């Protein structure tokens, strides 16, 4: 287990940087999916109720 201790004391950013990158990729993907979902909901709302489409802008 000494090699593990040496790894974390010498290279602390070798774990932190990939974790931050992976988390930011997931956040970006979730944000994009959310905006696509909102656009799809707006399209459906305008299809079924065109007079009240001003409510979801």
Protein backbone atom coordinates (compact mmCIF):
# COMPACT_ATOMS: atom_id res chain seq x y z
CA UNK A 1 0.00 0.00 0.00
CA UNK A 2 3.03 2.24 0.11
CA UNK A 3 2.85 2.74 -3.66
CA UNK A 4 -0.68 4.08 -3.26
CA UNK A 5 0.43 6.51 -0.59
CA UNK A 6 3.33 7.67 -2.79
CA UNK A 7 0.99 8.09 -5.74
CA UNK A 8 -1.39 10.37 -3.85
CA UNK A 9 1.35 12.45 -2.23
CA UNK A 10 3.31 12.98 -5.43
CA UNK A 11 0.48 13.34 -7.97
CA UNK A 12 -2.64 14.80 -6.32
CA UNK A 13 -3.85 16.34 -9.58
CA UNK A 14 -3.65 13.06 -11.47
CA UNK A 15 -6.95 12.04 -9.87
CA UNK A 16 -8.59 15.44 -9.43
CA UNK A 17 -8.25 16.65 -13.01
CA UNK A 18 -9.89 13.61 -14.70
CA UNK A 19 -12.69 13.62 -12.13
CA UNK A 20 -13.39 17.30 -12.77
CA UNK A 21 -13.35 16.69 -16.53
CA UNK A 22 -15.77 13.76 -16.29
CA UNK A 23 -18.15 15.66 -14.01
CA UNK A 24 -18.13 18.69 -16.30
CA UNK A 25 -18.91 16.47 -19.32
CA UNK A 26 -21.93 15.02 -17.50
CA UNK A 27 -23.11 18.49 -16.46
CA UNK A 28 -22.82 19.71 -20.05
CA UNK A 29 -24.73 16.69 -21.39
CA UNK A 30 -27.49 17.07 -18.79
CA UNK A 31 -27.83 20.78 -19.55
CA UNK A 32 -28.10 20.12 -23.27
CA UNK A 33 -30.69 17.40 -22.72
CA UNK A 34 -32.68 19.74 -20.47
CA UNK A 35 -32.79 22.49 -23.09
CA UNK A 36 -33.80 20.01 -25.80
CA UNK A 37 -36.54 18.74 -23.51
CA UNK A 38 -37.84 22.26 -22.88
CA UNK A 39 -37.89 22.95 -26.62
CA UNK A 40 -39.81 19.74 -27.27
CA UNK A 41 -42.34 20.61 -24.55
CA UNK A 42 -42.77 24.08 -26.10
CA UNK A 43 -43.42 22.52 -29.52
CA UNK A 44 -46.00 20.12 -28.12
CA UNK A 45 -47.67 22.92 -26.18
CA UNK A 46 -47.92 25.08 -29.31
CA UNK A 47 -49.34 22.16 -31.29
CA UNK A 48 -52.19 21.50 -28.86
CA UNK A 49 -52.82 25.01 -27.59
CA UNK A 50 -51.57 27.68 -30.03
CA UNK A 51 -53.42 30.56 -28.31
CA UNK A 52 -51.64 30.03 -24.98
CA UNK A 53 -48.14 29.56 -26.38
CA UNK A 54 -46.95 32.83 -24.87
CA UNK A 55 -46.93 31.23 -21.39
CA UNK A 56 -43.87 29.01 -21.97
CA UNK A 57 -41.28 31.44 -23.29
